[in-house]
Structure formats: C-alpha cells, structure tokens
Amino acid sequence: MRTNGQPLTEPGPDLDLSPYEGRWVALVRGQIVGVGRTAEAAWLAARQSRPREEPLVFLVPRTSAGPEE
C-alpha cells in the first residue's frame, strides 16, 4: 500500500528524525508511535499506543559526534 508514492511503513521525506539520533524508533503508517533506547522498548511503546498494528522498528543513526546518552 502506498500514499503519495511512499510506502506506509517507511518515514516520509518530511519526517524529521534528527531528535531521535542514536535511538530506536517505531513507525506505524509513516508516523512515529514509539521511541526507546532499545528496539524492544520502542516496540513496546508502539504496541501500547497502537495495539492492533505492527510497527516497523529501526535505529536512527547518529550523524554528529556529540556525547552519547
């Protein structure tokens, strides 16, 4: 399924992921529904907010050499 040429399971070009660098993010229908320090934490947060939908969980890479949290 696609919307505006973008798969619903991937972040759109207008989705700013920079605040989540170094963190795991869960998406449902192209929207952030969970964030965590581990993939499991992001997945659990997503399942709590959207229990009937399966989230896509991925690590947002760091682009800067700032301090790790």
PDB file of N, CA and C in Angstrom:
ATOM      1  N   MET A   1       0.839  -1.182   0.000  1.00  0.00           N
ATOM      2  CA  MET A   1       0.000   0.000   0.000  1.00  0.00           C
ATOM      3  C   MET A   1       0.881   1.242   0.000  1.00  0.00           C
ATOM      4  N   ARG A   2       0.537   2.206  -0.819  1.00  0.00           N
ATOM      5  CA  ARG A   2       1.363   3.413  -0.926  1.00  0.00           C
ATOM      6  C   ARG A   2       0.491   4.662  -0.799  1.00  0.00           C
ATOM      7  N   THR A   3       1.100   5.719  -0.283  1.00  0.00           N
ATOM      8  CA  THR A   3       0.458   7.015  -0.208  1.00  0.00           C
ATOM      9  C   THR A   3       1.451   8.043  -0.714  1.00  0.00           C
ATOM     10  N   ASN A   4       1.086   8.828  -1.686  1.00  0.00           N
ATOM     11  CA  ASN A   4       1.984   9.826  -2.281  1.00  0.00           C
ATOM     12  C   ASN A   4       3.312   9.211  -2.711  1.00  0.00           C
ATOM     13  N   GLY A   5       3.280   7.971  -3.185  1.00  0.00           N
ATOM     14  CA  GLY A   5       4.486   7.321  -3.657  1.00  0.00           C
ATOM     15  C   GLY A   5       5.371   6.763  -2.569  1.00  0.00           C
ATOM     16  N   GLN A   6       5.023   6.947  -1.303  1.00  0.00           N
ATOM     17  CA  GLN A   6       5.825   6.451  -0.187  1.00  0.00           C
ATOM     18  C   GLN A   6       5.126   5.254   0.453  1.00  0.00           C
ATOM     19  N   PRO A   7       5.852   4.147   0.676  1.00  0.00           N
ATOM     20  CA  PRO A   7       5.248   3.037   1.420  1.00  0.00           C
ATOM     21  C   PRO A   7       4.840   3.507   2.809  1.00  0.00           C
ATOM     22  N   LEU A   8       3.773   2.985   3.314  1.00  0.00           N
ATOM     23  CA  LEU A   8       3.285   3.410   4.619  1.00  0.00           C
ATOM     24  C   LEU A   8       4.178   2.947   5.758  1.00  0.00           C
ATOM     25  N   THR A   9       5.081   2.019   5.502  1.00  0.00           N
ATOM     26  CA  THR A   9       5.936   1.503   6.555  1.00  0.00           C
ATOM     27  C   THR A   9       7.276   2.223   6.635  1.00  0.00           C
ATOM     28  N   GLU A  10       7.501   3.239   5.809  1.00  0.00           N
ATOM     29  CA  GLU A  10       8.758   3.969   5.821  1.00  0.00           C
ATOM     30  C   GLU A  10       8.503   5.434   6.150  1.00  0.00           C
ATOM     31  N   PRO A  11       9.466   6.084   6.791  1.00  0.00           N
ATOM     32  CA  PRO A  11       9.279   7.501   7.080  1.00  0.00           C
ATOM     33  C   PRO A  11       9.250   8.312   5.804  1.00  0.00           C
ATOM     34  N   GLY A  12       8.383   9.299   5.764  1.00  0.00           N
ATOM     35  CA  GLY A  12       8.312  10.179   4.609  1.00  0.00           C
ATOM     36  C   GLY A  12       9.465  11.166   4.611  1.00  0.00           C
ATOM     37  N   PRO A  13       9.676  11.837   3.489  1.00  0.00           N
ATOM     38  CA  PRO A  13      10.795  12.775   3.395  1.00  0.00           C
ATOM     39  C   PRO A  13      10.644  13.981   4.320  1.00  0.00           C
ATOM     40  N   ASP A  14       9.426  14.267   4.758  1.00  0.00           N
ATOM     41  CA  ASP A  14       9.201  15.416   5.635  1.00  0.00           C
ATOM     42  C   ASP A  14       9.272  15.035   7.117  1.00  0.00           C
ATOM     43  N   LEU A  15       9.557  13.768   7.420  1.00  0.00           N
ATOM     44  CA  LEU A  15       9.655  13.317   8.803  1.00  0.00           C
ATOM     45  C   LEU A  15      11.062  13.582   9.322  1.00  0.00           C
ATOM     46  N   ASP A  16      11.184  14.470  10.299  1.00  0.00           N
ATOM     47  CA  ASP A  16      12.490  14.835  10.866  1.00  0.00           C
ATOM     48  C   ASP A  16      12.850  13.849  11.969  1.00  0.00           C
ATOM     49  N   LEU A  17      13.861  13.028  11.720  1.00  0.00           N
ATOM     50  CA  LEU A  17      14.294  12.038  12.700  1.00  0.00           C
ATOM     51  C   LEU A  17      15.492  12.503  13.514  1.00  0.00           C
ATOM     52  N   SER A  18      15.987  13.723  13.273  1.00  0.00           N
ATOM     53  CA  SER A  18      17.189  14.201  13.961  1.00  0.00           C
ATOM     54  C   SER A  18      17.056  14.220  15.489  1.00  0.00           C
ATOM     55  N   PRO A  19      15.883  14.487  16.064  1.00  0.00           N
ATOM     56  CA  PRO A  19      15.796  14.438  17.537  1.00  0.00           C
ATOM     57  C   PRO A  19      15.970  13.029  18.100  1.00  0.00           C
ATOM     58  N   TYR A  20      15.882  12.014  17.244  1.00  0.00           N
ATOM     59  CA  TYR A  20      15.928  10.629  17.692  1.00  0.00           C
ATOM     60  C   TYR A  20      17.246   9.934  17.342  1.00  0.00           C
ATOM     61  N   GLU A  21      18.276  10.691  16.966  1.00  0.00           N
ATOM     62  CA  GLU A  21      19.563  10.098  16.609  1.00  0.00           C
ATOM     63  C   GLU A  21      20.084   9.228  17.748  1.00  0.00           C
ATOM     64  N   GLY A  22      20.521   8.021  17.396  1.00  0.00           N
ATOM     65  CA  GLY A  22      21.045   7.097  18.391  1.00  0.00           C
ATOM     66  C   GLY A  22      19.974   6.341  19.153  1.00  0.00           C
ATOM     67  N   ARG A  23      18.714   6.525  18.796  1.00  0.00           N
ATOM     68  CA  ARG A  23      17.603   5.851  19.478  1.00  0.00           C
ATOM     69  C   ARG A  23      16.860   4.959  18.491  1.00  0.00           C
ATOM     70  N   TRP A  24      16.127   4.026  19.054  1.00  0.00           N
ATOM     71  CA  TRP A  24      15.266   3.165  18.266  1.00  0.00           C
ATOM     72  C   TRP A  24      13.909   3.834  18.120  1.00  0.00           C
ATOM     73  N   VAL A  25      13.351   3.788  16.918  1.00  0.00           N
ATOM     74  CA  VAL A  25      12.078   4.435  16.612  1.00  0.00           C
ATOM     75  C   VAL A  25      11.140   3.398  16.013  1.00  0.00           C
ATOM     76  N   ALA A  26       9.873   3.481  16.390  1.00  0.00           N
ATOM     77  CA  ALA A  26       8.845   2.605  15.834  1.00  0.00           C
ATOM     78  C   ALA A  26       7.863   3.443  15.016  1.00  0.00           C
ATOM     79  N   LEU A  27       7.588   2.986  13.804  1.00  0.00           N
ATOM     80  CA  LEU A  27       6.657   3.681  12.914  1.00  0.00           C
ATOM     81  C   LEU A  27       5.443   2.814  12.640  1.00  0.00           C
ATOM     82  N   VAL A  28       4.293   3.480  12.545  1.00  0.00           N
ATOM     83  CA  VAL A  28       3.074   2.857  12.057  1.00  0.00           C
ATOM     84  C   VAL A  28       2.457   3.851  11.087  1.00  0.00           C
ATOM     85  N   ARG A  29       2.245   3.397   9.872  1.00  0.00           N
ATOM     86  CA  ARG A  29       1.662   4.244   8.818  1.00  0.00           C
ATOM     87  C   ARG A  29       2.435   5.547   8.623  1.00  0.00           C
ATOM     88  N   GLY A  30       3.766   5.450   8.736  1.00  0.00           N
ATOM     89  CA  GLY A  30       4.617   6.608   8.490  1.00  0.00           C
ATOM     90  C   GLY A  30       4.694   7.602   9.633  1.00  0.00           C
ATOM     91  N   GLN A  31       4.118   7.265  10.786  1.00  0.00           N
ATOM     92  CA  GLN A  31       4.152   8.151  11.951  1.00  0.00           C
ATOM     93  C   GLN A  31       4.923   7.503  13.087  1.00  0.00           C
ATOM     94  N   ILE A  32       5.657   8.306  13.831  1.00  0.00           N
ATOM     95  CA  ILE A  32       6.398   7.806  14.984  1.00  0.00           C
ATOM     96  C   ILE A  32       5.406   7.503  16.104  1.00  0.00           C
ATOM     97  N   VAL A  33       5.427   6.255  16.565  1.00  0.00           N
ATOM     98  CA  VAL A  33       4.494   5.849  17.622  1.00  0.00           C
ATOM     99  C   VAL A  33       5.216   5.296  18.840  1.00  0.00           C
ATOM    100  N   GLY A  34       6.546   5.191  18.760  1.00  0.00           N
ATOM    101  CA  GLY A  34       7.317   4.711  19.901  1.00  0.00           C
ATOM    102  C   GLY A  34       8.791   5.017  19.726  1.00  0.00           C
ATOM    103  N   VAL A  35       9.458   5.324  20.833  1.00  0.00           N
ATOM    104  CA  VAL A  35      10.890   5.628  20.833  1.00  0.00           C
ATOM    105  C   VAL A  35      11.487   4.992  22.072  1.00  0.00           C
ATOM    106  N   GLY A  36      12.703   4.456  21.941  1.00  0.00           N
ATOM    107  CA  GLY A  36      13.355   3.864  23.093  1.00  0.00           C
ATOM    108  C   GLY A  36      14.852   3.716  22.893  1.00  0.00           C
ATOM    109  N   ARG A  37      15.534   3.376  23.978  1.00  0.00           N
ATOM    110  CA  ARG A  37      16.983   3.134  23.904  1.00  0.00           C
ATOM    111  C   ARG A  37      17.285   1.754  23.341  1.00  0.00           C
ATOM    112  N   THR A  38      16.265   0.883  23.334  1.00  0.00           N
ATOM    113  CA  THR A  38      16.405  -0.446  22.738  1.00  0.00           C
ATOM    114  C   THR A  38      15.263  -0.653  21.754  1.00  0.00           C
ATOM    115  N   ALA A  39      15.454  -1.620  20.860  1.00  0.00           N
ATOM    116  CA  ALA A  39      14.404  -1.944  19.897  1.00  0.00           C
ATOM    117  C   ALA A  39      13.150  -2.435  20.626  1.00  0.00           C
ATOM    118  N   GLU A  40      13.357  -3.228  21.667  1.00  0.00           N
ATOM    119  CA  GLU A  40      12.222  -3.749  22.422  1.00  0.00           C
ATOM    120  C   GLU A  40      11.425  -2.628  23.087  1.00  0.00           C
ATOM    121  N   ALA A  41      12.110  -1.631  23.638  1.00  0.00           N
ATOM    122  CA  ALA A  41      11.422  -0.509  24.294  1.00  0.00           C
ATOM    123  C   ALA A  41      10.583   0.277  23.288  1.00  0.00           C
ATOM    124  N   ALA A  42      11.140   0.517  22.107  1.00  0.00           N
ATOM    125  CA  ALA A  42      10.386   1.235  21.075  1.00  0.00           C
ATOM    126  C   ALA A  42       9.190   0.421  20.617  1.00  0.00           C
ATOM    127  N   TRP A  43       9.390  -0.890  20.450  1.00  0.00           N
ATOM    128  CA  TRP A  43       8.308  -1.766  20.020  1.00  0.00           C
ATOM    129  C   TRP A  43       7.190  -1.813  21.065  1.00  0.00           C
ATOM    130  N   LEU A  44       7.571  -1.920  22.332  1.00  0.00           N
ATOM    131  CA  LEU A  44       6.554  -1.959  23.395  1.00  0.00           C
ATOM    132  C   LEU A  44       5.772  -0.657  23.479  1.00  0.00           C
ATOM    133  N   ALA A  45       6.457   0.474  23.316  1.00  0.00           N
ATOM    134  CA  ALA A  45       5.768   1.771  23.333  1.00  0.00           C
ATOM    135  C   ALA A  45       4.787   1.866  22.167  1.00  0.00           C
ATOM    136  N   ALA A  46       5.207   1.370  21.015  1.00  0.00           N
ATOM    137  CA  ALA A  46       4.325   1.396  19.844  1.00  0.00           C
ATOM    138  C   ALA A  46       3.123   0.491  20.036  1.00  0.00           C
ATOM    139  N   ARG A  47       3.350  -0.686  20.565  1.00  0.00           N
ATOM    140  CA  ARG A  47       2.244  -1.626  20.775  1.00  0.00           C
ATOM    141  C   ARG A  47       1.261  -1.110  21.822  1.00  0.00           C
ATOM    142  N   GLN A  48       1.756  -0.325  22.780  1.00  0.00           N
ATOM    143  CA  GLN A  48       0.860   0.240  23.789  1.00  0.00           C
ATOM    144  C   GLN A  48      -0.045   1.302  23.164  1.00  0.00           C
ATOM    145  N   SER A  49       0.512   2.117  22.267  1.00  0.00           N
ATOM    146  CA  SER A  49      -0.289   3.182  21.662  1.00  0.00           C
ATOM    147  C   SER A  49      -1.104   2.702  20.469  1.00  0.00           C
ATOM    148  N   ARG A  50      -0.627   1.673  19.770  1.00  0.00           N
ATOM    149  CA  ARG A  50      -1.323   1.121  18.593  1.00  0.00           C
ATOM    150  C   ARG A  50      -1.347  -0.403  18.678  1.00  0.00           C
ATOM    151  N   PRO A  51      -2.140  -0.975  19.580  1.00  0.00           N
ATOM    152  CA  PRO A  51      -2.082  -2.415  19.843  1.00  0.00           C
ATOM    153  C   PRO A  51      -2.488  -3.307  18.672  1.00  0.00           C
ATOM    154  N   ARG A  52      -3.259  -2.805  17.743  1.00  0.00           N
ATOM    155  CA  ARG A  52      -3.726  -3.648  16.635  1.00  0.00           C
ATOM    156  C   ARG A  52      -2.854  -3.549  15.388  1.00  0.00           C
ATOM    157  N   GLU A  53      -1.810  -2.733  15.435  1.00  0.00           N
ATOM    158  CA  GLU A  53      -0.963  -2.541  14.261  1.00  0.00           C
ATOM    159  C   GLU A  53       0.467  -2.969  14.556  1.00  0.00           C
ATOM    160  N   GLU A  54       1.134  -3.512  13.552  1.00  0.00           N
ATOM    161  CA  GLU A  54       2.506  -3.989  13.705  1.00  0.00           C
ATOM    162  C   GLU A  54       3.472  -2.858  13.327  1.00  0.00           C
ATOM    163  N   PRO A  55       4.306  -2.418  14.272  1.00  0.00           N
ATOM    164  CA  PRO A  55       5.224  -1.308  13.980  1.00  0.00           C
ATOM    165  C   PRO A  55       6.480  -1.768  13.240  1.00  0.00           C
ATOM    166  N   LEU A  56       7.057  -0.847  12.500  1.00  0.00           N
ATOM    167  CA  LEU A  56       8.373  -1.017  11.906  1.00  0.00           C
ATOM    168  C   LEU A  56       9.356  -0.352  12.857  1.00  0.00           C
ATOM    169  N   VAL A  57      10.338  -1.108  13.368  1.00  0.00           N
ATOM    170  CA  VAL A  57      11.289  -0.591  14.356  1.00  0.00           C
ATOM    171  C   VAL A  57      12.674  -0.531  13.718  1.00  0.00           C
ATOM    172  N   PHE A  58      13.338   0.616  13.873  1.00  0.00           N
ATOM    173  CA  PHE A  58      14.677   0.775  13.315  1.00  0.00           C
ATOM    174  C   PHE A  58      15.488   1.748  14.149  1.00  0.00           C
ATOM    175  N   LEU A  59      16.803   1.647  14.026  1.00  0.00           N
ATOM    176  CA  LEU A  59      17.726   2.527  14.735  1.00  0.00           C
ATOM    177  C   LEU A  59      18.008   3.748  13.872  1.00  0.00           C
ATOM    178  N   VAL A  60      17.857   4.934  14.451  1.00  0.00           N
ATOM    179  CA  VAL A  60      18.186   6.170  13.737  1.00  0.00           C
ATOM    180  C   VAL A  60      19.679   6.405  13.955  1.00  0.00           C
ATOM    181  N   PRO A  61      20.466   6.396  12.887  1.00  0.00           N
ATOM    182  CA  PRO A  61      21.916   6.553  13.048  1.00  0.00           C
ATOM    183  C   PRO A  61      22.296   7.945  13.518  1.00  0.00           C
ATOM    184  N   ARG A  62      23.399   8.016  14.213  1.00  0.00           N
ATOM    185  CA  ARG A  62      23.933   9.314  14.643  1.00  0.00           C
ATOM    186  C   ARG A  62      24.638   9.963  13.459  1.00  0.00           C
ATOM    187  N   THR A  63      24.414  11.251  13.282  1.00  0.00           N
ATOM    188  CA  THR A  63      25.098  11.976  12.206  1.00  0.00           C
ATOM    189  C   THR A  63      26.143  12.932  12.757  1.00  0.00           C
ATOM    190  N   SER A  64      26.118  13.169  14.063  1.00  0.00           N
ATOM    191  CA  SER A  64      27.087  14.059  14.683  1.00  0.00           C
ATOM    192  C   SER A  64      27.937  13.268  15.681  1.00  0.00           C
ATOM    193  N   ALA A  65      29.041  13.835  16.071  1.00  0.00           N
ATOM    194  CA  ALA A  65      29.937  13.159  17.023  1.00  0.00           C
ATOM    195  C   ALA A  65      29.723  13.680  18.429  1.00  0.00           C
ATOM    196  N   GLY A  66      28.506  14.011  18.766  1.00  0.00           N
ATOM    197  CA  GLY A  66      28.206  14.540  20.102  1.00  0.00           C
ATOM    198  C   GLY A  66      28.283  13.464  21.157  1.00  0.00           C
ATOM    199  N   PRO A  67      28.107  13.827  22.424  1.00  0.00           N
ATOM    200  CA  PRO A  67      28.175  12.859  23.523  1.00  0.00           C
ATOM    201  C   PRO A  67      27.035  11.862  23.442  1.00  0.00           C
ATOM    202  N   GLU A  68      27.313  10.634  23.800  1.00  0.00           N
ATOM    203  CA  GLU A  68      26.271   9.614  23.821  1.00  0.00           C
ATOM    204  C   GLU A  68      25.484   9.713  25.104  1.00  0.00           C
ATOM    205  N   GLU A  69      24.206   9.349  25.005  1.00  0.00           N
ATOM    206  CA  GLU A  69      23.337   9.396  26.195  1.00  0.00           C
ATOM    207  C   GLU A  69      23.210   8.034  26.784  1.00  0.00           C
TER     208      GLU A  69
END
